[in-house]
Amino acid sequence: MPVADRGNKLCTTGAFKYVRHPLYAAFLSVFNFGLAVYLNSYLYLLWAVLLHPLWHLLIRSEERMLVDLFGEGYIEYQKKTGRFFPRLFRRGTG
């Protein structure tokens, strides 16, 4: 995507083809759960599990802003892609 389009055009390629928030997805999967596994710590695993719903709440306001900015295009994009993890099955089809 050209630099001039950044922030003005909905990006649905690359990592964004699979998840709407790839940076958050990487943080959740690699840092949170990865650290828990690496440290072999149930405490960190519990922390990662409890933190996951908080991330969903924080992202909701960001996604409302994106719907305001990109309209129906973003709503369709939401139906096709997962928030943090790739969507295996599409909802609302058929």
PDB file of N, CA and C in Angstrom:
ATOM      1  N   MET A   1       0.849  -1.176   0.000  1.00  0.00           N
ATOM      2  CA  MET A   1       0.000   0.000   0.000  1.00  0.00           C
ATOM      3  C   MET A   1       0.895   1.240   0.000  1.00  0.00           C
ATOM      4  N   PRO A   2       0.646   2.156  -0.921  1.00  0.00           N
ATOM      5  CA  PRO A   2       1.438   3.389  -0.955  1.00  0.00           C
ATOM      6  C   PRO A   2       1.282   4.188   0.338  1.00  0.00           C
ATOM      7  N   VAL A   3       2.310   4.913   0.682  1.00  0.00           N
ATOM      8  CA  VAL A   3       2.310   5.705   1.912  1.00  0.00           C
ATOM      9  C   VAL A   3       1.154   6.707   1.931  1.00  0.00           C
ATOM     10  N   ALA A   4       0.805   7.264   0.790  1.00  0.00           N
ATOM     11  CA  ALA A   4      -0.273   8.253   0.730  1.00  0.00           C
ATOM     12  C   ALA A   4      -1.626   7.655   1.106  1.00  0.00           C
ATOM     13  N   ASP A   5      -1.804   6.355   0.905  1.00  0.00           N
ATOM     14  CA  ASP A   5      -3.070   5.685   1.225  1.00  0.00           C
ATOM     15  C   ASP A   5      -3.177   5.279   2.687  1.00  0.00           C
ATOM     16  N   ARG A   6      -2.078   5.303   3.419  1.00  0.00           N
ATOM     17  CA  ARG A   6      -2.070   4.855   4.808  1.00  0.00           C
ATOM     18  C   ARG A   6      -3.042   5.674   5.647  1.00  0.00           C
ATOM     19  N   GLY A   7      -3.982   4.993   6.283  1.00  0.00           N
ATOM     20  CA  GLY A   7      -4.974   5.661   7.112  1.00  0.00           C
ATOM     21  C   GLY A   7      -6.190   6.144   6.345  1.00  0.00           C
ATOM     22  N   ASN A   8      -6.129   6.107   5.011  1.00  0.00           N
ATOM     23  CA  ASN A   8      -7.236   6.575   4.185  1.00  0.00           C
ATOM     24  C   ASN A   8      -7.899   5.457   3.396  1.00  0.00           C
ATOM     25  N   LYS A   9      -7.273   4.286   3.369  1.00  0.00           N
ATOM     26  CA  LYS A   9      -7.778   3.170   2.586  1.00  0.00           C
ATOM     27  C   LYS A   9      -7.706   1.913   3.442  1.00  0.00           C
ATOM     28  N   LEU A  10      -8.744   1.102   3.384  1.00  0.00           N
ATOM     29  CA  LEU A  10      -8.804  -0.125   4.160  1.00  0.00           C
ATOM     30  C   LEU A  10      -7.818  -1.145   3.596  1.00  0.00           C
ATOM     31  N   CYS A  11      -6.915  -1.620   4.431  1.00  0.00           N
ATOM     32  CA  CYS A  11      -5.917  -2.608   4.019  1.00  0.00           C
ATOM     33  C   CYS A  11      -6.440  -4.000   4.354  1.00  0.00           C
ATOM     34  N   THR A  12      -6.563  -4.847   3.342  1.00  0.00           N
ATOM     35  CA  THR A  12      -7.050  -6.216   3.537  1.00  0.00           C
ATOM     36  C   THR A  12      -6.098  -7.237   2.922  1.00  0.00           C
ATOM     37  N   THR A  13      -4.847  -6.869   2.784  1.00  0.00           N
ATOM     38  CA  THR A  13      -3.849  -7.771   2.217  1.00  0.00           C
ATOM     39  C   THR A  13      -2.792  -8.094   3.268  1.00  0.00           C
ATOM     40  N   GLY A  14      -1.931  -9.037   2.942  1.00  0.00           N
ATOM     41  CA  GLY A  14      -0.884  -9.433   3.882  1.00  0.00           C
ATOM     42  C   GLY A  14      -1.493 -10.081   5.112  1.00  0.00           C
ATOM     43  N   ALA A  15      -0.992  -9.730   6.273  1.00  0.00           N
ATOM     44  CA  ALA A  15      -1.516 -10.288   7.528  1.00  0.00           C
ATOM     45  C   ALA A  15      -2.970  -9.887   7.748  1.00  0.00           C
ATOM     46  N   PHE A  16      -3.362  -8.723   7.216  1.00  0.00           N
ATOM     47  CA  PHE A  16      -4.740  -8.242   7.379  1.00  0.00           C
ATOM     48  C   PHE A  16      -5.744  -9.089   6.598  1.00  0.00           C
ATOM     49  N   LYS A  17      -5.268  -9.925   5.713  1.00  0.00           N
ATOM     50  CA  LYS A  17      -6.155 -10.834   4.985  1.00  0.00           C
ATOM     51  C   LYS A  17      -6.722 -11.899   5.925  1.00  0.00           C
ATOM     52  N   TYR A  18      -6.004 -12.198   6.983  1.00  0.00           N
ATOM     53  CA  TYR A  18      -6.383 -13.272   7.895  1.00  0.00           C
ATOM     54  C   TYR A  18      -6.954 -12.784   9.224  1.00  0.00           C
ATOM     55  N   VAL A  19      -6.421 -11.691   9.751  1.00  0.00           N
ATOM     56  CA  VAL A  19      -6.905 -11.128  11.021  1.00  0.00           C
ATOM     57  C   VAL A  19      -6.993  -9.616  10.904  1.00  0.00           C
ATOM     58  N   ARG A  20      -7.930  -9.033  11.638  1.00  0.00           N
ATOM     59  CA  ARG A  20      -8.118  -7.581  11.576  1.00  0.00           C
ATOM     60  C   ARG A  20      -7.068  -6.822  12.375  1.00  0.00           C
ATOM     61  N   HIS A  21      -6.495  -7.447  13.379  1.00  0.00           N
ATOM     62  CA  HIS A  21      -5.518  -6.773  14.242  1.00  0.00           C
ATOM     63  C   HIS A  21      -4.280  -7.657  14.408  1.00  0.00           C
ATOM     64  N   PRO A  22      -3.439  -7.742  13.378  1.00  0.00           N
ATOM     65  CA  PRO A  22      -2.302  -8.667  13.441  1.00  0.00           C
ATOM     66  C   PRO A  22      -1.284  -8.335  14.535  1.00  0.00           C
ATOM     67  N   LEU A  23      -1.100  -7.070  14.868  1.00  0.00           N
ATOM     68  CA  LEU A  23      -0.148  -6.730  15.917  1.00  0.00           C
ATOM     69  C   LEU A  23      -0.635  -7.233  17.266  1.00  0.00           C
ATOM     70  N   TYR A  24      -1.902  -7.012  17.551  1.00  0.00           N
ATOM     71  CA  TYR A  24      -2.474  -7.521  18.797  1.00  0.00           C
ATOM     72  C   TYR A  24      -2.471  -9.044  18.798  1.00  0.00           C
ATOM     73  N   ALA A  25      -2.753  -9.654  17.657  1.00  0.00           N
ATOM     74  CA  ALA A  25      -2.761 -11.116  17.561  1.00  0.00           C
ATOM     75  C   ALA A  25      -1.381 -11.682  17.879  1.00  0.00           C
ATOM     76  N   ALA A  26      -0.355 -11.038  17.359  1.00  0.00           N
ATOM     77  CA  ALA A  26       0.999 -11.496  17.640  1.00  0.00           C
ATOM     78  C   ALA A  26       1.320 -11.344  19.122  1.00  0.00           C
ATOM     79  N   PHE A  27       0.917 -10.246  19.702  1.00  0.00           N
ATOM     80  CA  PHE A  27       1.172 -10.033  21.124  1.00  0.00           C
ATOM     81  C   PHE A  27       0.462 -11.092  21.963  1.00  0.00           C
ATOM     82  N   LEU A  28      -0.818 -11.336  21.633  1.00  0.00           N
ATOM     83  CA  LEU A  28      -1.586 -12.325  22.390  1.00  0.00           C
ATOM     84  C   LEU A  28      -1.008 -13.724  22.272  1.00  0.00           C
ATOM     85  N   SER A  29      -0.689 -14.134  21.060  1.00  0.00           N
ATOM     86  CA  SER A  29      -0.249 -15.508  20.868  1.00  0.00           C
ATOM     87  C   SER A  29       1.210 -15.718  21.251  1.00  0.00           C
ATOM     88  N   VAL A  30       2.082 -14.831  20.831  1.00  0.00           N
ATOM     89  CA  VAL A  30       3.502 -15.039  21.079  1.00  0.00           C
ATOM     90  C   VAL A  30       3.902 -14.589  22.478  1.00  0.00           C
ATOM     91  N   PHE A  31       3.553 -13.376  22.830  1.00  0.00           N
ATOM     92  CA  PHE A  31       4.016 -12.862  24.118  1.00  0.00           C
ATOM     93  C   PHE A  31       3.237 -13.470  25.274  1.00  0.00           C
ATOM     94  N   ASN A  32       1.923 -13.379  25.243  1.00  0.00           N
ATOM     95  CA  ASN A  32       1.135 -13.873  26.375  1.00  0.00           C
ATOM     96  C   ASN A  32       1.239 -15.383  26.531  1.00  0.00           C
ATOM     97  N   PHE A  33       0.725 -16.115  25.553  1.00  0.00           N
ATOM     98  CA  PHE A  33       0.712 -17.569  25.665  1.00  0.00           C
ATOM     99  C   PHE A  33       2.103 -18.164  25.474  1.00  0.00           C
ATOM    100  N   GLY A  34       2.880 -17.578  24.585  1.00  0.00           N
ATOM    101  CA  GLY A  34       4.239 -18.069  24.363  1.00  0.00           C
ATOM    102  C   GLY A  34       5.106 -17.941  25.598  1.00  0.00           C
ATOM    103  N   LEU A  35       4.980 -16.827  26.297  1.00  0.00           N
ATOM    104  CA  LEU A  35       5.743 -16.627  27.528  1.00  0.00           C
ATOM    105  C   LEU A  35       5.306 -17.624  28.599  1.00  0.00           C
ATOM    106  N   ALA A  36       4.015 -17.871  28.689  1.00  0.00           N
ATOM    107  CA  ALA A  36       3.507 -18.842  29.668  1.00  0.00           C
ATOM    108  C   ALA A  36       4.074 -20.233  29.396  1.00  0.00           C
ATOM    109  N   VAL A  37       4.113 -20.621  28.138  1.00  0.00           N
ATOM    110  CA  VAL A  37       4.652 -21.940  27.790  1.00  0.00           C
ATOM    111  C   VAL A  37       6.161 -21.973  28.021  1.00  0.00           C
ATOM    112  N   TYR A  38       6.839 -20.907  27.590  1.00  0.00           N
ATOM    113  CA  TYR A  38       8.291 -20.851  27.754  1.00  0.00           C
ATOM    114  C   TYR A  38       8.696 -20.930  29.223  1.00  0.00           C
ATOM    115  N   LEU A  39       7.980 -20.208  30.070  1.00  0.00           N
ATOM    116  CA  LEU A  39       8.300 -20.214  31.503  1.00  0.00           C
ATOM    117  C   LEU A  39       7.683 -21.390  32.243  1.00  0.00           C
ATOM    118  N   ASN A  40       6.851 -22.158  31.518  1.00  0.00           N
ATOM    119  CA  ASN A  40       6.172 -23.303  32.124  1.00  0.00           C
ATOM    120  C   ASN A  40       5.463 -22.862  33.411  1.00  0.00           C
ATOM    121  N   SER A  41       4.680 -21.793  33.277  1.00  0.00           N
ATOM    122  CA  SER A  41       4.065 -21.171  34.439  1.00  0.00           C
ATOM    123  C   SER A  41       2.552 -21.130  34.298  1.00  0.00           C
ATOM    124  N   TYR A  42       1.876 -21.739  35.238  1.00  0.00           N
ATOM    125  CA  TYR A  42       0.416 -21.681  35.253  1.00  0.00           C
ATOM    126  C   TYR A  42      -0.068 -20.266  35.576  1.00  0.00           C
ATOM    127  N   LEU A  43       0.710 -19.540  36.348  1.00  0.00           N
ATOM    128  CA  LEU A  43       0.338 -18.168  36.682  1.00  0.00           C
ATOM    129  C   LEU A  43       0.306 -17.290  35.431  1.00  0.00           C
ATOM    130  N   TYR A  44       1.327 -17.393  34.588  1.00  0.00           N
ATOM    131  CA  TYR A  44       1.346 -16.634  33.337  1.00  0.00           C
ATOM    132  C   TYR A  44       0.264 -17.112  32.374  1.00  0.00           C
ATOM    133  N   LEU A  45      -0.010 -18.397  32.384  1.00  0.00           N
ATOM    134  CA  LEU A  45      -1.088 -18.920  31.545  1.00  0.00           C
ATOM    135  C   LEU A  45      -2.426 -18.356  31.987  1.00  0.00           C
ATOM    136  N   LEU A  46      -2.675 -18.308  33.281  1.00  0.00           N
ATOM    137  CA  LEU A  46      -3.897 -17.715  33.807  1.00  0.00           C
ATOM    138  C   LEU A  46      -3.973 -16.234  33.443  1.00  0.00           C
ATOM    139  N   TRP A  47      -2.857 -15.547  33.544  1.00  0.00           N
ATOM    140  CA  TRP A  47      -2.800 -14.126  33.189  1.00  0.00           C
ATOM    141  C   TRP A  47      -3.161 -13.932  31.719  1.00  0.00           C
ATOM    142  N   ALA A  48      -2.629 -14.787  30.858  1.00  0.00           N
ATOM    143  CA  ALA A  48      -2.918 -14.692  29.419  1.00  0.00           C
ATOM    144  C   ALA A  48      -4.392 -14.946  29.142  1.00  0.00           C
ATOM    145  N   VAL A  49      -4.959 -15.926  29.800  1.00  0.00           N
ATOM    146  CA  VAL A  49      -6.380 -16.248  29.593  1.00  0.00           C
ATOM    147  C   VAL A  49      -7.265 -15.107  30.082  1.00  0.00           C
ATOM    148  N   LEU A  50      -6.941 -14.529  31.217  1.00  0.00           N
ATOM    149  CA  LEU A  50      -7.742 -13.429  31.760  1.00  0.00           C
ATOM    150  C   LEU A  50      -7.562 -12.135  30.975  1.00  0.00           C
ATOM    151  N   LEU A  51      -6.410 -11.957  30.374  1.00  0.00           N
ATOM    152  CA  LEU A  51      -6.141 -10.740  29.609  1.00  0.00           C
ATOM    153  C   LEU A  51      -6.846 -10.740  28.257  1.00  0.00           C
ATOM    154  N   HIS A  52      -7.084 -11.920  27.701  1.00  0.00           N
ATOM    155  CA  HIS A  52      -7.688 -12.029  26.373  1.00  0.00           C
ATOM    156  C   HIS A  52      -9.035 -11.299  26.258  1.00  0.00           C
ATOM    157  N   PRO A  53      -9.998 -11.485  27.162  1.00  0.00           N
ATOM    158  CA  PRO A  53     -11.266 -10.742  27.054  1.00  0.00           C
ATOM    159  C   PRO A  53     -11.076  -9.226  27.187  1.00  0.00           C
ATOM    160  N   LEU A  54     -10.083  -8.816  27.962  1.00  0.00           N
ATOM    161  CA  LEU A  54      -9.811  -7.384  28.100  1.00  0.00           C
ATOM    162  C   LEU A  54      -9.394  -6.783  26.764  1.00  0.00           C
ATOM    163  N   TRP A  55      -8.594  -7.503  25.987  1.00  0.00           N
ATOM    164  CA  TRP A  55      -8.183  -7.028  24.671  1.00  0.00           C
ATOM    165  C   TRP A  55      -9.397  -6.843  23.767  1.00  0.00           C
ATOM    166  N   HIS A  56     -10.349  -7.780  23.847  1.00  0.00           N
ATOM    167  CA  HIS A  56     -11.568  -7.657  23.040  1.00  0.00           C
ATOM    168  C   HIS A  56     -12.338  -6.386  23.400  1.00  0.00           C
ATOM    169  N   LEU A  57     -12.431  -6.078  24.677  1.00  0.00           N
ATOM    170  CA  LEU A  57     -13.128  -4.858  25.106  1.00  0.00           C
ATOM    171  C   LEU A  57     -12.408  -3.602  24.628  1.00  0.00           C
ATOM    172  N   LEU A  58     -11.098  -3.605  24.685  1.00  0.00           N
ATOM    173  CA  LEU A  58     -10.328  -2.434  24.267  1.00  0.00           C
ATOM    174  C   LEU A  58     -10.434  -2.190  22.762  1.00  0.00           C
ATOM    175  N   ILE A  59     -10.529  -3.255  21.995  1.00  0.00           N
ATOM    176  CA  ILE A  59     -10.575  -3.149  20.541  1.00  0.00           C
ATOM    177  C   ILE A  59     -11.934  -2.666  20.042  1.00  0.00           C
ATOM    178  N   ARG A  60     -12.979  -2.870  20.826  1.00  0.00           N
ATOM    179  CA  ARG A  60     -14.328  -2.511  20.369  1.00  0.00           C
ATOM    180  C   ARG A  60     -14.434  -1.036  19.964  1.00  0.00           C
ATOM    181  N   SER A  61     -13.851  -0.140  20.744  1.00  0.00           N
ATOM    182  CA  SER A  61     -13.924   1.288  20.393  1.00  0.00           C
ATOM    183  C   SER A  61     -13.127   1.579  19.125  1.00  0.00           C
ATOM    184  N   GLU A  62     -12.016   0.904  18.958  1.00  0.00           N
ATOM    185  CA  GLU A  62     -11.213   1.081  17.748  1.00  0.00           C
ATOM    186  C   GLU A  62     -11.991   0.603  16.517  1.00  0.00           C
ATOM    187  N   GLU A  63     -12.697  -0.521  16.664  1.00  0.00           N
ATOM    188  CA  GLU A  63     -13.461  -1.036  15.533  1.00  0.00           C
ATOM    189  C   GLU A  63     -14.674  -0.157  15.223  1.00  0.00           C
ATOM    190  N   ARG A  64     -15.289   0.446  16.223  1.00  0.00           N
ATOM    191  CA  ARG A  64     -16.391   1.390  15.960  1.00  0.00           C
ATOM    192  C   ARG A  64     -15.888   2.586  15.149  1.00  0.00           C
ATOM    193  N   MET A  65     -14.696   3.052  15.477  1.00  0.00           N
ATOM    194  CA  MET A  65     -14.098   4.150  14.731  1.00  0.00           C
ATOM    195  C   MET A  65     -13.835   3.736  13.278  1.00  0.00           C
ATOM    196  N   LEU A  66     -13.375   2.507  13.078  1.00  0.00           N
ATOM    197  CA  LEU A  66     -13.105   2.025  11.731  1.00  0.00           C
ATOM    198  C   LEU A  66     -14.387   1.849  10.926  1.00  0.00           C
ATOM    199  N   VAL A  67     -15.472   1.438  11.567  1.00  0.00           N
ATOM    200  CA  VAL A  67     -16.766   1.353  10.877  1.00  0.00           C
ATOM    201  C   VAL A  67     -17.207   2.752  10.463  1.00  0.00           C
ATOM    202  N   ASP A  68     -17.024   3.745  11.340  1.00  0.00           N
ATOM    203  CA  ASP A  68     -17.370   5.130  10.988  1.00  0.00           C
ATOM    204  C   ASP A  68     -16.537   5.631   9.816  1.00  0.00           C
ATOM    205  N   LEU A  69     -15.274   5.234   9.788  1.00  0.00           N
ATOM    206  CA  LEU A  69     -14.364   5.709   8.750  1.00  0.00           C
ATOM    207  C   LEU A  69     -14.569   4.995   7.410  1.00  0.00           C
ATOM    208  N   PHE A  70     -14.718   3.662   7.430  1.00  0.00           N
ATOM    209  CA  PHE A  70     -14.776   2.884   6.196  1.00  0.00           C
ATOM    210  C   PHE A  70     -16.160   2.330   5.870  1.00  0.00           C
ATOM    211  N   GLY A  71     -17.110   2.471   6.787  1.00  0.00           N
ATOM    212  CA  GLY A  71     -18.491   2.088   6.528  1.00  0.00           C
ATOM    213  C   GLY A  71     -18.707   0.618   6.248  1.00  0.00           C
ATOM    214  N   GLU A  72     -19.535   0.347   5.243  1.00  0.00           N
ATOM    215  CA  GLU A  72     -19.933  -1.015   4.888  1.00  0.00           C
ATOM    216  C   GLU A  72     -18.732  -1.880   4.505  1.00  0.00           C
ATOM    217  N   GLY A  73     -17.707  -1.278   3.950  1.00  0.00           N
ATOM    218  CA  GLY A  73     -16.512  -2.040   3.582  1.00  0.00           C
ATOM    219  C   GLY A  73     -15.869  -2.699   4.794  1.00  0.00           C
ATOM    220  N   TYR A  74     -15.823  -1.988   5.906  1.00  0.00           N
ATOM    221  CA  TYR A  74     -15.237  -2.563   7.111  1.00  0.00           C
ATOM    222  C   TYR A  74     -16.157  -3.612   7.731  1.00  0.00           C
ATOM    223  N   ILE A  75     -17.452  -3.400   7.649  1.00  0.00           N
ATOM    224  CA  ILE A  75     -18.405  -4.379   8.181  1.00  0.00           C
ATOM    225  C   ILE A  75     -18.275  -5.699   7.417  1.00  0.00           C
ATOM    226  N   GLU A  76     -18.143  -5.635   6.107  1.00  0.00           N
ATOM    227  CA  GLU A  76     -17.941  -6.844   5.311  1.00  0.00           C
ATOM    228  C   GLU A  76     -16.601  -7.510   5.647  1.00  0.00           C
ATOM    229  N   TYR A  77     -15.593  -6.688   5.847  1.00  0.00           N
ATOM    230  CA  TYR A  77     -14.268  -7.187   6.231  1.00  0.00           C
ATOM    231  C   TYR A  77     -14.343  -7.913   7.576  1.00  0.00           C
ATOM    232  N   GLN A  78     -15.119  -7.381   8.516  1.00  0.00           N
ATOM    233  CA  GLN A  78     -15.296  -8.028   9.813  1.00  0.00           C
ATOM    234  C   GLN A  78     -15.924  -9.409   9.668  1.00  0.00           C
ATOM    235  N   LYS A  79     -16.836  -9.546   8.735  1.00  0.00           N
ATOM    236  CA  LYS A  79     -17.504 -10.834   8.530  1.00  0.00           C
ATOM    237  C   LYS A  79     -16.549 -11.890   7.975  1.00  0.00           C
ATOM    238  N   LYS A  80     -15.539 -11.458   7.241  1.00  0.00           N
ATOM    239  CA  LYS A  80     -14.618 -12.381   6.583  1.00  0.00           C
ATOM    240  C   LYS A  80     -13.412 -12.760   7.444  1.00  0.00           C
ATOM    241  N   THR A  81     -13.013 -11.876   8.353  1.00  0.00           N
ATOM    242  CA  THR A  81     -11.780 -12.097   9.103  1.00  0.00           C
ATOM    243  C   THR A  81     -12.033 -12.109  10.598  1.00  0.00           C
ATOM    244  N   GLY A  82     -11.195 -12.830  11.309  1.00  0.00           N
ATOM    245  CA  GLY A  82     -11.269 -12.860  12.764  1.00  0.00           C
ATOM    246  C   GLY A  82     -10.599 -11.642  13.358  1.00  0.00           C
ATOM    247  N   ARG A  83     -10.933 -11.369  14.585  1.00  0.00           N
ATOM    248  CA  ARG A  83     -10.356 -10.207  15.257  1.00  0.00           C
ATOM    249  C   ARG A  83      -8.880 -10.446  15.557  1.00  0.00           C
ATOM    250  N   PHE A  84      -8.574 -11.540  16.241  1.00  0.00           N
ATOM    251  CA  PHE A  84      -7.186 -11.837  16.615  1.00  0.00           C
ATOM    252  C   PHE A  84      -6.687 -13.150  16.013  1.00  0.00           C
ATOM    253  N   PHE A  85      -7.609 -14.041  15.677  1.00  0.00           N
ATOM    254  CA  PHE A  85      -7.242 -15.338  15.141  1.00  0.00           C
ATOM    255  C   PHE A  85      -7.963 -15.532  13.814  1.00  0.00           C
ATOM    256  N   PRO A  86      -7.338 -16.180  12.860  1.00  0.00           N
ATOM    257  CA  PRO A  86      -8.000 -16.388  11.558  1.00  0.00           C
ATOM    258  C   PRO A  86      -9.333 -17.103  11.726  1.00  0.00           C
ATOM    259  N   ARG A  87     -10.308 -16.668  10.970  1.00  0.00           N
ATOM    260  CA  ARG A  87     -11.642 -17.261  11.010  1.00  0.00           C
ATOM    261  C   ARG A  87     -11.655 -18.505  10.128  1.00  0.00           C
ATOM    262  N   LEU A  88     -11.992 -19.623  10.720  1.00  0.00           N
ATOM    263  CA  LEU A  88     -12.030 -20.869   9.973  1.00  0.00           C
ATOM    264  C   LEU A  88     -13.356 -21.027   9.232  1.00  0.00           C
ATOM    265  N   PHE A  89     -14.415 -20.520   9.828  1.00  0.00           N
ATOM    266  CA  PHE A  89     -15.742 -20.593   9.223  1.00  0.00           C
ATOM    267  C   PHE A  89     -16.324 -19.199   9.201  1.00  0.00           C
ATOM    268  N   ARG A  90     -16.920 -18.825   8.082  1.00  0.00           N
ATOM    269  CA  ARG A  90     -17.536 -17.502   7.957  1.00  0.00           C
ATOM    270  C   ARG A  90     -18.943 -17.543   8.502  1.00  0.00           C
ATOM    271  N   ARG A  91     -19.307 -16.517   9.239  1.00  0.00           N
ATOM    272  CA  ARG A  91     -20.682 -16.446   9.733  1.00  0.00           C
ATOM    273  C   ARG A  91     -21.496 -15.565   8.792  1.00  0.00           C
ATOM    274  N   GLY A  92     -22.784 -15.810   8.792  1.00  0.00           N
ATOM    275  CA  GLY A  92     -23.691 -14.997   8.005  1.00  0.00           C
ATOM    276  C   GLY A  92     -23.669 -15.292   6.514  1.00  0.00           C
ATOM    277  N   THR A  93     -23.128 -16.428   6.114  1.00  0.00           N
ATOM    278  CA  THR A  93     -23.127 -16.770   4.690  1.00  0.00           C
ATOM    279  C   THR A  93     -24.255 -17.744   4.412  1.00  0.00           C
ATOM    280  N   GLY A  94     -24.803 -17.677   3.223  1.00  0.00           N
ATOM    281  CA  GLY A  94     -25.823 -18.637   2.807  1.00  0.00           C
ATOM    282  C   GLY A  94     -27.182 -18.251   3.066  1.00  0.00           C
TER     283      GLY A  94
END
